[in-house]
N, C-alpha and C. Protein backbone atom coordinates (compact mmCIF):
# COMPACT_ATOMS: atom_id res chain seq x y z
N MET A 1 -30.95 16.31 45.63
CA MET A 1 -31.25 14.90 45.55
C MET A 1 -32.65 14.66 44.99
N GLU A 2 -33.56 15.60 45.28
CA GLU A 2 -34.93 15.46 44.79
C GLU A 2 -34.97 15.46 43.27
N HIS A 3 -34.17 16.36 42.62
CA HIS A 3 -34.13 16.41 41.16
C HIS A 3 -33.59 15.10 40.59
N LEU A 4 -32.63 14.48 41.26
CA LEU A 4 -32.05 13.23 40.78
C LEU A 4 -33.09 12.14 40.75
N ASP A 5 -33.87 11.97 41.84
CA ASP A 5 -34.90 10.94 41.88
C ASP A 5 -35.94 11.14 40.79
N THR A 6 -36.34 12.38 40.60
CA THR A 6 -37.33 12.70 39.57
C THR A 6 -36.75 12.45 38.18
N ALA A 7 -35.52 12.85 37.96
CA ALA A 7 -34.90 12.72 36.64
C ALA A 7 -34.75 11.27 36.22
N ILE A 8 -34.41 10.41 37.15
CA ILE A 8 -34.20 9.00 36.82
C ILE A 8 -35.47 8.37 36.26
N VAL A 9 -36.61 8.79 36.74
CA VAL A 9 -37.89 8.25 36.27
C VAL A 9 -38.43 9.06 35.10
N LEU A 10 -38.39 10.38 35.21
CA LEU A 10 -39.07 11.25 34.25
C LEU A 10 -38.41 11.30 32.88
N ILE A 11 -37.10 11.36 32.83
CA ILE A 11 -36.42 11.48 31.53
C ILE A 11 -36.67 10.25 30.64
N PRO A 12 -36.48 9.02 31.14
CA PRO A 12 -36.81 7.87 30.28
C PRO A 12 -38.30 7.81 29.92
N LEU A 13 -39.17 8.23 30.85
CA LEU A 13 -40.60 8.24 30.56
C LEU A 13 -40.91 9.20 29.42
N LEU A 14 -40.31 10.37 29.44
CA LEU A 14 -40.53 11.35 28.37
C LEU A 14 -39.95 10.87 27.04
N ALA A 15 -38.87 10.10 27.12
CA ALA A 15 -38.28 9.54 25.90
C ALA A 15 -39.22 8.54 25.23
N VAL A 16 -40.09 7.92 26.02
CA VAL A 16 -41.09 7.01 25.47
C VAL A 16 -42.33 7.78 25.01
N ILE A 17 -42.70 8.80 25.75
CA ILE A 17 -43.91 9.58 25.44
C ILE A 17 -43.75 10.37 24.13
N ALA A 18 -42.57 10.93 23.87
CA ALA A 18 -42.37 11.79 22.70
C ALA A 18 -42.73 11.11 21.38
N PRO A 19 -42.19 9.92 21.07
CA PRO A 19 -42.57 9.30 19.80
C PRO A 19 -44.03 8.85 19.77
N LEU A 20 -44.55 8.46 20.94
CA LEU A 20 -45.97 8.07 20.98
C LEU A 20 -46.87 9.27 20.69
N ALA A 21 -46.51 10.42 21.22
CA ALA A 21 -47.29 11.64 20.96
C ALA A 21 -47.20 12.03 19.50
N ALA A 22 -46.00 11.94 18.92
CA ALA A 22 -45.84 12.28 17.51
C ALA A 22 -46.66 11.34 16.63
N ARG A 23 -46.69 10.08 16.98
CA ARG A 23 -47.48 9.12 16.20
C ARG A 23 -48.97 9.34 16.39
N ALA A 24 -49.37 9.71 17.61
CA ALA A 24 -50.79 9.91 17.90
C ALA A 24 -51.38 11.06 17.09
N ILE A 25 -50.64 12.14 16.93
CA ILE A 25 -51.18 13.26 16.17
C ILE A 25 -50.80 13.19 14.69
N GLY A 26 -50.05 12.16 14.31
CA GLY A 26 -49.59 11.99 12.94
C GLY A 26 -50.68 12.04 11.88
N PRO A 27 -51.84 11.41 12.11
CA PRO A 27 -52.88 11.47 11.07
C PRO A 27 -53.38 12.88 10.78
N TRP A 28 -53.29 13.78 11.73
CA TRP A 28 -53.80 15.14 11.55
C TRP A 28 -52.69 16.15 11.25
N LEU A 29 -51.54 15.96 11.90
CA LEU A 29 -50.46 16.92 11.76
C LEU A 29 -49.13 16.20 11.90
N ARG A 30 -48.26 16.34 10.91
CA ARG A 30 -46.95 15.68 10.96
C ARG A 30 -45.97 16.58 11.71
N VAL A 31 -45.63 16.15 12.91
CA VAL A 31 -44.67 16.88 13.74
C VAL A 31 -43.51 15.94 14.03
N PRO A 32 -42.28 16.34 13.74
CA PRO A 32 -41.13 15.48 14.01
C PRO A 32 -41.01 15.17 15.51
N VAL A 33 -40.53 13.99 15.81
CA VAL A 33 -40.37 13.56 17.20
C VAL A 33 -39.49 14.52 17.97
N VAL A 34 -38.47 15.06 17.32
CA VAL A 34 -37.53 15.95 18.00
C VAL A 34 -38.25 17.17 18.56
N VAL A 35 -39.32 17.61 17.93
CA VAL A 35 -40.09 18.75 18.44
C VAL A 35 -40.71 18.38 19.79
N PHE A 36 -41.27 17.18 19.88
CA PHE A 36 -41.85 16.73 21.15
C PHE A 36 -40.77 16.56 22.22
N GLU A 37 -39.62 16.02 21.81
CA GLU A 37 -38.54 15.85 22.78
C GLU A 37 -38.10 17.18 23.36
N LEU A 38 -37.93 18.16 22.50
CA LEU A 38 -37.52 19.49 22.97
C LEU A 38 -38.60 20.14 23.82
N ALA A 39 -39.85 20.07 23.38
CA ALA A 39 -40.94 20.71 24.12
C ALA A 39 -41.12 20.07 25.49
N LEU A 40 -41.09 18.75 25.55
CA LEU A 40 -41.24 18.07 26.84
C LEU A 40 -40.08 18.40 27.77
N GLY A 41 -38.86 18.48 27.22
CA GLY A 41 -37.70 18.84 28.03
C GLY A 41 -37.83 20.24 28.60
N ILE A 42 -38.34 21.16 27.81
CA ILE A 42 -38.53 22.53 28.28
C ILE A 42 -39.58 22.57 29.38
N VAL A 43 -40.68 21.84 29.18
CA VAL A 43 -41.78 21.87 30.16
C VAL A 43 -41.34 21.32 31.52
N VAL A 44 -40.64 20.19 31.53
CA VAL A 44 -40.26 19.60 32.83
C VAL A 44 -38.97 20.18 33.39
N GLY A 45 -38.26 20.96 32.59
CA GLY A 45 -36.98 21.52 33.01
C GLY A 45 -37.13 22.66 33.99
N PRO A 46 -36.00 23.22 34.40
CA PRO A 46 -36.00 24.26 35.44
C PRO A 46 -36.70 25.55 35.05
N SER A 47 -36.87 25.81 33.75
CA SER A 47 -37.48 27.06 33.32
C SER A 47 -39.00 27.08 33.45
N VAL A 48 -39.65 25.90 33.44
CA VAL A 48 -41.12 25.88 33.50
C VAL A 48 -41.57 25.19 34.79
N LEU A 49 -41.65 23.86 34.80
CA LEU A 49 -42.14 23.15 35.98
C LEU A 49 -41.06 22.90 37.03
N GLY A 50 -39.82 22.81 36.60
CA GLY A 50 -38.72 22.58 37.54
C GLY A 50 -38.66 21.18 38.11
N TRP A 51 -39.27 20.22 37.43
CA TRP A 51 -39.25 18.84 37.93
C TRP A 51 -37.89 18.19 37.73
N VAL A 52 -37.17 18.59 36.70
CA VAL A 52 -35.84 18.06 36.42
C VAL A 52 -34.90 19.25 36.34
N GLY A 53 -33.81 19.16 37.08
CA GLY A 53 -32.82 20.23 37.08
C GLY A 53 -31.43 19.68 36.88
N PRO A 54 -30.45 20.54 36.88
CA PRO A 54 -29.07 20.10 36.71
C PRO A 54 -28.66 19.11 37.80
N SER A 55 -28.02 18.04 37.38
CA SER A 55 -27.49 17.05 38.32
C SER A 55 -26.43 16.23 37.60
N ALA A 56 -25.70 15.44 38.35
CA ALA A 56 -24.68 14.58 37.74
C ALA A 56 -25.32 13.59 36.78
N PHE A 57 -26.49 13.08 37.14
CA PHE A 57 -27.20 12.11 36.29
C PHE A 57 -27.59 12.76 34.95
N VAL A 58 -28.13 13.97 35.01
CA VAL A 58 -28.53 14.68 33.79
C VAL A 58 -27.28 14.99 32.95
N ASP A 59 -26.17 15.34 33.58
CA ASP A 59 -24.93 15.59 32.84
C ASP A 59 -24.46 14.35 32.10
N VAL A 60 -24.52 13.19 32.77
CA VAL A 60 -24.12 11.93 32.12
C VAL A 60 -25.04 11.62 30.95
N LEU A 61 -26.35 11.79 31.16
CA LEU A 61 -27.30 11.54 30.07
C LEU A 61 -27.06 12.48 28.90
N SER A 62 -26.75 13.75 29.20
CA SER A 62 -26.53 14.69 28.10
C SER A 62 -25.28 14.34 27.31
N GLU A 63 -24.22 13.93 27.99
CA GLU A 63 -23.00 13.51 27.28
C GLU A 63 -23.26 12.26 26.44
N PHE A 64 -23.99 11.31 27.00
CA PHE A 64 -24.31 10.09 26.27
C PHE A 64 -25.21 10.42 25.07
N GLY A 65 -26.18 11.29 25.28
CA GLY A 65 -27.08 11.68 24.20
C GLY A 65 -26.36 12.38 23.08
N LEU A 66 -25.42 13.26 23.42
CA LEU A 66 -24.65 13.95 22.40
C LEU A 66 -23.80 12.97 21.60
N ALA A 67 -23.18 12.02 22.28
CA ALA A 67 -22.38 11.01 21.58
C ALA A 67 -23.26 10.18 20.64
N MET A 68 -24.44 9.81 21.10
CA MET A 68 -25.35 9.04 20.25
C MET A 68 -25.84 9.86 19.07
N LEU A 69 -26.08 11.15 19.30
CA LEU A 69 -26.53 12.03 18.24
C LEU A 69 -25.49 12.10 17.13
N PHE A 70 -24.21 12.27 17.50
CA PHE A 70 -23.14 12.30 16.50
C PHE A 70 -23.02 10.96 15.80
N PHE A 71 -23.15 9.87 16.56
CA PHE A 71 -23.04 8.55 15.97
C PHE A 71 -24.15 8.31 14.96
N VAL A 72 -25.38 8.59 15.34
CA VAL A 72 -26.51 8.37 14.44
C VAL A 72 -26.40 9.26 13.21
N ALA A 73 -26.04 10.52 13.41
CA ALA A 73 -25.89 11.42 12.27
C ALA A 73 -24.80 10.91 11.34
N GLY A 74 -23.72 10.41 11.90
CA GLY A 74 -22.62 9.90 11.09
C GLY A 74 -23.00 8.68 10.27
N THR A 75 -23.90 7.85 10.79
CA THR A 75 -24.30 6.66 10.05
C THR A 75 -25.28 6.98 8.94
N GLU A 76 -25.93 8.12 8.99
CA GLU A 76 -26.93 8.46 7.98
C GLU A 76 -26.41 9.41 6.90
N ILE A 77 -25.18 9.84 7.01
CA ILE A 77 -24.61 10.73 5.99
C ILE A 77 -24.32 9.92 4.74
N GLU A 78 -24.75 10.42 3.61
CA GLU A 78 -24.43 9.79 2.33
C GLU A 78 -23.21 10.49 1.75
N PHE A 79 -22.07 9.85 1.90
CA PHE A 79 -20.83 10.46 1.45
C PHE A 79 -20.78 10.59 -0.07
N ALA A 80 -21.53 9.76 -0.78
CA ALA A 80 -21.58 9.89 -2.25
C ALA A 80 -22.16 11.25 -2.64
N ALA A 81 -23.11 11.76 -1.84
CA ALA A 81 -23.72 13.05 -2.15
C ALA A 81 -22.69 14.18 -2.03
N LEU A 82 -21.68 13.99 -1.19
CA LEU A 82 -20.65 15.02 -1.04
C LEU A 82 -19.75 15.11 -2.26
N ARG A 83 -19.65 14.02 -3.04
CA ARG A 83 -18.83 14.03 -4.24
C ARG A 83 -19.59 14.57 -5.45
N GLU A 84 -20.90 14.68 -5.31
CA GLU A 84 -21.74 15.16 -6.41
C GLU A 84 -21.79 16.69 -6.41
N ARG A 85 -22.59 17.20 -7.32
CA ARG A 85 -22.75 18.65 -7.46
C ARG A 85 -23.25 19.28 -6.15
N SER A 86 -24.18 18.59 -5.48
CA SER A 86 -24.72 19.15 -4.23
C SER A 86 -23.63 19.25 -3.16
N GLY A 87 -22.69 18.33 -3.16
CA GLY A 87 -21.59 18.38 -2.19
C GLY A 87 -20.66 19.54 -2.45
N ARG A 88 -20.33 19.75 -3.73
CA ARG A 88 -19.47 20.88 -4.08
C ARG A 88 -20.15 22.20 -3.74
N ARG A 89 -21.43 22.28 -4.00
CA ARG A 89 -22.18 23.49 -3.65
C ARG A 89 -22.26 23.67 -2.13
N ALA A 90 -22.40 22.57 -1.43
CA ALA A 90 -22.46 22.66 0.03
C ALA A 90 -21.15 23.20 0.59
N ILE A 91 -20.05 22.72 0.08
CA ILE A 91 -18.74 23.21 0.55
C ILE A 91 -18.57 24.69 0.21
N GLY A 92 -18.92 25.07 -1.02
CA GLY A 92 -18.84 26.48 -1.41
C GLY A 92 -19.76 27.35 -0.56
N GLY A 93 -20.96 26.87 -0.34
CA GLY A 93 -21.90 27.63 0.48
C GLY A 93 -21.43 27.77 1.92
N TRP A 94 -20.81 26.72 2.44
CA TRP A 94 -20.30 26.80 3.82
C TRP A 94 -19.14 27.79 3.90
N LEU A 95 -18.28 27.78 2.92
CA LEU A 95 -17.16 28.74 2.92
C LEU A 95 -17.68 30.19 2.85
N ILE A 96 -18.71 30.41 2.05
CA ILE A 96 -19.32 31.74 2.00
C ILE A 96 -19.96 32.08 3.35
N SER A 97 -20.64 31.10 3.94
CA SER A 97 -21.29 31.31 5.24
C SER A 97 -20.28 31.66 6.32
N ILE A 98 -19.16 30.95 6.33
CA ILE A 98 -18.17 31.23 7.38
C ILE A 98 -17.54 32.61 7.16
N ALA A 99 -17.34 33.00 5.90
CA ALA A 99 -16.80 34.33 5.64
C ALA A 99 -17.78 35.41 6.09
N LEU A 100 -19.06 35.23 5.79
CA LEU A 100 -20.07 36.19 6.25
C LEU A 100 -20.19 36.17 7.77
N GLY A 101 -20.09 34.98 8.37
CA GLY A 101 -20.15 34.87 9.83
C GLY A 101 -19.00 35.59 10.51
N VAL A 102 -17.80 35.46 9.95
CA VAL A 102 -16.65 36.17 10.52
C VAL A 102 -16.83 37.67 10.34
N ALA A 103 -17.39 38.09 9.20
CA ALA A 103 -17.64 39.52 8.99
C ALA A 103 -18.61 40.06 10.03
N VAL A 104 -19.67 39.30 10.32
CA VAL A 104 -20.61 39.71 11.37
C VAL A 104 -19.91 39.69 12.73
N GLY A 105 -19.08 38.68 12.94
CA GLY A 105 -18.33 38.59 14.20
C GLY A 105 -17.40 39.76 14.41
N LEU A 106 -16.83 40.28 13.34
CA LEU A 106 -15.94 41.44 13.46
C LEU A 106 -16.69 42.66 13.99
N LEU A 107 -17.97 42.75 13.71
CA LEU A 107 -18.78 43.85 14.23
C LEU A 107 -18.99 43.73 15.74
N VAL A 108 -19.01 42.50 16.23
CA VAL A 108 -19.31 42.25 17.64
C VAL A 108 -18.05 42.09 18.48
N ALA A 109 -17.14 41.28 18.00
CA ALA A 109 -15.94 40.97 18.79
C ALA A 109 -14.74 40.84 17.86
N PRO A 110 -14.01 41.91 17.64
CA PRO A 110 -12.85 41.85 16.74
C PRO A 110 -11.80 40.84 17.24
N GLY A 111 -11.05 40.32 16.30
CA GLY A 111 -9.98 39.38 16.65
C GLY A 111 -10.46 37.94 16.63
N LEU A 112 -9.93 37.16 17.54
CA LEU A 112 -10.24 35.73 17.61
C LEU A 112 -11.72 35.49 17.88
N GLY A 113 -12.35 36.40 18.62
CA GLY A 113 -13.78 36.27 18.89
C GLY A 113 -14.62 36.28 17.63
N ALA A 114 -14.21 37.04 16.62
CA ALA A 114 -14.93 37.10 15.35
C ALA A 114 -14.91 35.75 14.66
N VAL A 115 -13.77 35.06 14.74
CA VAL A 115 -13.66 33.74 14.12
C VAL A 115 -14.56 32.74 14.84
N VAL A 116 -14.59 32.80 16.15
CA VAL A 116 -15.45 31.90 16.92
C VAL A 116 -16.92 32.15 16.57
N ILE A 117 -17.32 33.41 16.50
CA ILE A 117 -18.69 33.75 16.13
C ILE A 117 -18.99 33.28 14.72
N GLY A 118 -18.06 33.47 13.79
CA GLY A 118 -18.25 33.02 12.41
C GLY A 118 -18.43 31.52 12.33
N ILE A 119 -17.64 30.76 13.08
CA ILE A 119 -17.77 29.30 13.09
C ILE A 119 -19.13 28.91 13.66
N ALA A 120 -19.54 29.56 14.74
CA ALA A 120 -20.83 29.24 15.35
C ALA A 120 -21.98 29.52 14.39
N LEU A 121 -21.91 30.62 13.66
CA LEU A 121 -22.99 30.98 12.74
C LEU A 121 -23.02 30.07 11.51
N ALA A 122 -21.90 29.46 11.17
CA ALA A 122 -21.84 28.63 9.97
C ALA A 122 -22.03 27.14 10.27
N SER A 123 -22.33 26.80 11.51
CA SER A 123 -22.50 25.38 11.84
C SER A 123 -23.97 24.99 11.76
N THR A 124 -24.21 23.70 11.60
CA THR A 124 -25.57 23.17 11.53
C THR A 124 -25.77 22.12 12.60
N ALA A 125 -27.00 21.69 12.74
CA ALA A 125 -27.35 20.63 13.68
C ALA A 125 -27.82 19.42 12.87
N LEU A 126 -26.88 18.75 12.25
CA LEU A 126 -27.21 17.62 11.38
C LEU A 126 -27.97 16.54 12.13
N GLY A 127 -27.61 16.33 13.38
CA GLY A 127 -28.31 15.31 14.17
C GLY A 127 -29.77 15.62 14.37
N THR A 128 -30.14 16.89 14.25
CA THR A 128 -31.55 17.27 14.33
C THR A 128 -32.20 17.23 12.95
N LEU A 129 -31.46 17.61 11.92
CA LEU A 129 -32.01 17.62 10.57
C LEU A 129 -32.33 16.23 10.04
N LEU A 130 -31.44 15.28 10.25
CA LEU A 130 -31.63 13.95 9.66
C LEU A 130 -32.87 13.23 10.17
N PRO A 131 -33.16 13.22 11.49
CA PRO A 131 -34.40 12.58 11.91
C PRO A 131 -35.65 13.25 11.33
N ILE A 132 -35.61 14.57 11.17
CA ILE A 132 -36.75 15.27 10.58
C ILE A 132 -36.93 14.84 9.13
N LEU A 133 -35.83 14.77 8.38
CA LEU A 133 -35.90 14.30 7.00
C LEU A 133 -36.39 12.86 6.92
N ARG A 134 -35.89 12.01 7.82
CA ARG A 134 -36.29 10.61 7.83
C ARG A 134 -37.77 10.48 8.14
N ASP A 135 -38.26 11.21 9.15
CA ASP A 135 -39.68 11.15 9.51
C ASP A 135 -40.57 11.63 8.38
N ALA A 136 -40.09 12.59 7.60
CA ALA A 136 -40.87 13.12 6.48
C ALA A 136 -40.74 12.27 5.22
N GLY A 137 -39.89 11.24 5.25
CA GLY A 137 -39.68 10.41 4.07
C GLY A 137 -38.85 11.09 3.00
N GLU A 138 -38.09 12.11 3.36
CA GLU A 138 -37.31 12.90 2.41
C GLU A 138 -35.83 12.53 2.38
N LEU A 139 -35.39 11.62 3.23
CA LEU A 139 -33.97 11.36 3.39
C LEU A 139 -33.31 10.88 2.10
N ARG A 140 -33.98 10.06 1.31
CA ARG A 140 -33.38 9.50 0.09
C ARG A 140 -33.79 10.24 -1.18
N THR A 141 -34.51 11.34 -1.04
CA THR A 141 -34.90 12.12 -2.22
C THR A 141 -33.77 13.08 -2.59
N PRO A 142 -33.81 13.66 -3.78
CA PRO A 142 -32.76 14.64 -4.14
C PRO A 142 -32.67 15.79 -3.14
N ARG A 143 -33.83 16.28 -2.68
CA ARG A 143 -33.82 17.37 -1.69
C ARG A 143 -33.18 16.88 -0.39
N GLY A 144 -33.54 15.69 0.04
CA GLY A 144 -32.97 15.14 1.27
C GLY A 144 -31.47 14.93 1.16
N ARG A 145 -31.02 14.47 0.00
CA ARG A 145 -29.57 14.28 -0.20
C ARG A 145 -28.85 15.61 -0.18
N ALA A 146 -29.46 16.65 -0.78
CA ALA A 146 -28.83 17.98 -0.79
C ALA A 146 -28.77 18.55 0.62
N VAL A 147 -29.87 18.42 1.38
CA VAL A 147 -29.87 18.92 2.76
C VAL A 147 -28.88 18.13 3.60
N GLY A 148 -28.80 16.82 3.36
CA GLY A 148 -27.82 16.00 4.08
C GLY A 148 -26.39 16.42 3.78
N ALA A 149 -26.12 16.73 2.52
CA ALA A 149 -24.78 17.21 2.15
C ALA A 149 -24.48 18.54 2.81
N LEU A 150 -25.44 19.47 2.76
CA LEU A 150 -25.26 20.77 3.41
C LEU A 150 -25.04 20.60 4.91
N GLY A 151 -25.86 19.74 5.51
CA GLY A 151 -25.73 19.52 6.95
C GLY A 151 -24.41 18.87 7.32
N ALA A 152 -23.95 17.92 6.50
CA ALA A 152 -22.68 17.25 6.79
C ALA A 152 -21.52 18.23 6.72
N VAL A 153 -21.52 19.08 5.71
CA VAL A 153 -20.46 20.08 5.59
C VAL A 153 -20.57 21.09 6.73
N GLY A 154 -21.81 21.49 7.06
CA GLY A 154 -22.01 22.43 8.15
C GLY A 154 -21.72 21.86 9.52
N GLU A 155 -21.68 20.55 9.63
CA GLU A 155 -21.34 19.90 10.89
C GLU A 155 -19.84 19.62 10.97
N PHE A 156 -19.28 19.13 9.86
CA PHE A 156 -17.88 18.73 9.85
C PHE A 156 -16.95 19.93 9.66
N GLY A 157 -17.35 20.89 8.85
CA GLY A 157 -16.53 22.07 8.60
C GLY A 157 -16.16 22.83 9.88
N PRO A 158 -17.13 23.12 10.76
CA PRO A 158 -16.77 23.80 12.00
C PRO A 158 -15.82 23.00 12.88
N LEU A 159 -15.94 21.68 12.87
CA LEU A 159 -15.01 20.86 13.65
C LEU A 159 -13.59 21.02 13.13
N VAL A 160 -13.44 21.04 11.81
CA VAL A 160 -12.12 21.24 11.21
C VAL A 160 -11.63 22.65 11.52
N ALA A 161 -12.51 23.65 11.38
CA ALA A 161 -12.11 25.04 11.64
C ALA A 161 -11.71 25.24 13.10
N ILE A 162 -12.46 24.64 14.01
CA ILE A 162 -12.12 24.75 15.43
C ILE A 162 -10.78 24.07 15.71
N SER A 163 -10.56 22.92 15.11
CA SER A 163 -9.29 22.21 15.30
C SER A 163 -8.12 23.03 14.81
N ILE A 164 -8.28 23.63 13.64
CA ILE A 164 -7.21 24.48 13.11
C ILE A 164 -7.00 25.69 14.01
N GLY A 165 -8.10 26.29 14.43
CA GLY A 165 -8.01 27.45 15.32
C GLY A 165 -7.33 27.13 16.64
N MET A 166 -7.66 25.98 17.20
CA MET A 166 -7.04 25.58 18.46
C MET A 166 -5.55 25.28 18.26
N ALA A 167 -5.21 24.71 17.11
CA ALA A 167 -3.80 24.42 16.85
C ALA A 167 -3.00 25.71 16.69
N LEU A 168 -3.61 26.70 16.06
CA LEU A 168 -2.90 27.95 15.82
C LEU A 168 -2.95 28.92 17.00
N HIS A 169 -4.06 28.92 17.73
CA HIS A 169 -4.26 29.91 18.79
C HIS A 169 -4.65 29.28 20.12
N GLY A 170 -4.31 28.03 20.34
CA GLY A 170 -4.71 27.33 21.56
C GLY A 170 -4.26 28.00 22.84
N ASP A 171 -3.15 28.70 22.78
CA ASP A 171 -2.64 29.36 23.98
C ASP A 171 -3.46 30.59 24.36
N ARG A 172 -4.27 31.12 23.41
CA ARG A 172 -5.07 32.31 23.70
C ARG A 172 -6.53 32.00 23.96
N VAL A 173 -6.93 30.73 23.84
CA VAL A 173 -8.32 30.36 24.07
C VAL A 173 -8.48 30.00 25.53
N PRO A 174 -9.43 30.63 26.25
CA PRO A 174 -9.59 30.33 27.67
C PRO A 174 -10.08 28.92 27.89
N SER A 175 -9.61 28.31 28.94
CA SER A 175 -10.00 26.94 29.28
C SER A 175 -11.33 26.95 30.00
N THR A 176 -12.18 25.99 29.67
CA THR A 176 -13.48 25.86 30.35
C THR A 176 -13.55 24.54 31.10
N THR A 177 -12.40 23.98 31.43
CA THR A 177 -12.37 22.71 32.12
C THR A 177 -12.91 22.87 33.53
N VAL A 178 -13.79 21.95 33.91
CA VAL A 178 -14.36 21.94 35.26
C VAL A 178 -13.93 20.65 35.93
N ARG A 179 -13.39 20.79 37.12
CA ARG A 179 -12.99 19.59 37.85
C ARG A 179 -14.22 18.95 38.44
N VAL A 180 -14.23 17.62 38.48
CA VAL A 180 -15.36 16.88 39.04
C VAL A 180 -15.52 17.21 40.53
N ASP A 181 -14.42 17.44 41.22
CA ASP A 181 -14.49 17.75 42.66
C ASP A 181 -15.26 19.05 42.92
N ASP A 182 -15.24 19.99 41.97
CA ASP A 182 -15.92 21.26 42.16
C ASP A 182 -17.42 21.14 42.13
N GLU A 183 -17.95 20.11 41.46
CA GLU A 183 -19.40 19.97 41.33
C GLU A 183 -20.05 19.34 42.55
N VAL A 184 -19.29 18.62 43.34
CA VAL A 184 -19.89 17.91 44.47
C VAL A 184 -20.14 18.79 45.64
């Protein structure tokens, strides 16, 4: 219960502090806000200070945050860039990446595990890339459009690959479902 009381106050406070800190050091050093968000989360989390730990409240915030991350990333994707040369290259590069990832996965876990490892290695964090590009003023530049195309393919491609894998091999993938009653 102690972690819950602390989390309710501390997490929103850190969400306000992170952009203020990034802006405060902006004249001397450009650091994306996401760096401050991650660093502050690590410091107050269970690994360092332990002020905020796992709880139902933190789980709800993490699910909401993930949904917002996908939503924001989806609104900033330039689909026109996917139809251009950079989009075709991004798709080709992702296909090469997934093939190399599966090859590496075969060394570690033959079979279906290799495919899972390959998909994980070929995925990107577009929701993290786009705010960094936006903060740097690179989002609408040719480089920003190319990185956005690469990130979009690297984000969407694994979702398609996982969906196909689940459709073909869903009976062999272990379930990770947790009942709400088990957490209380």
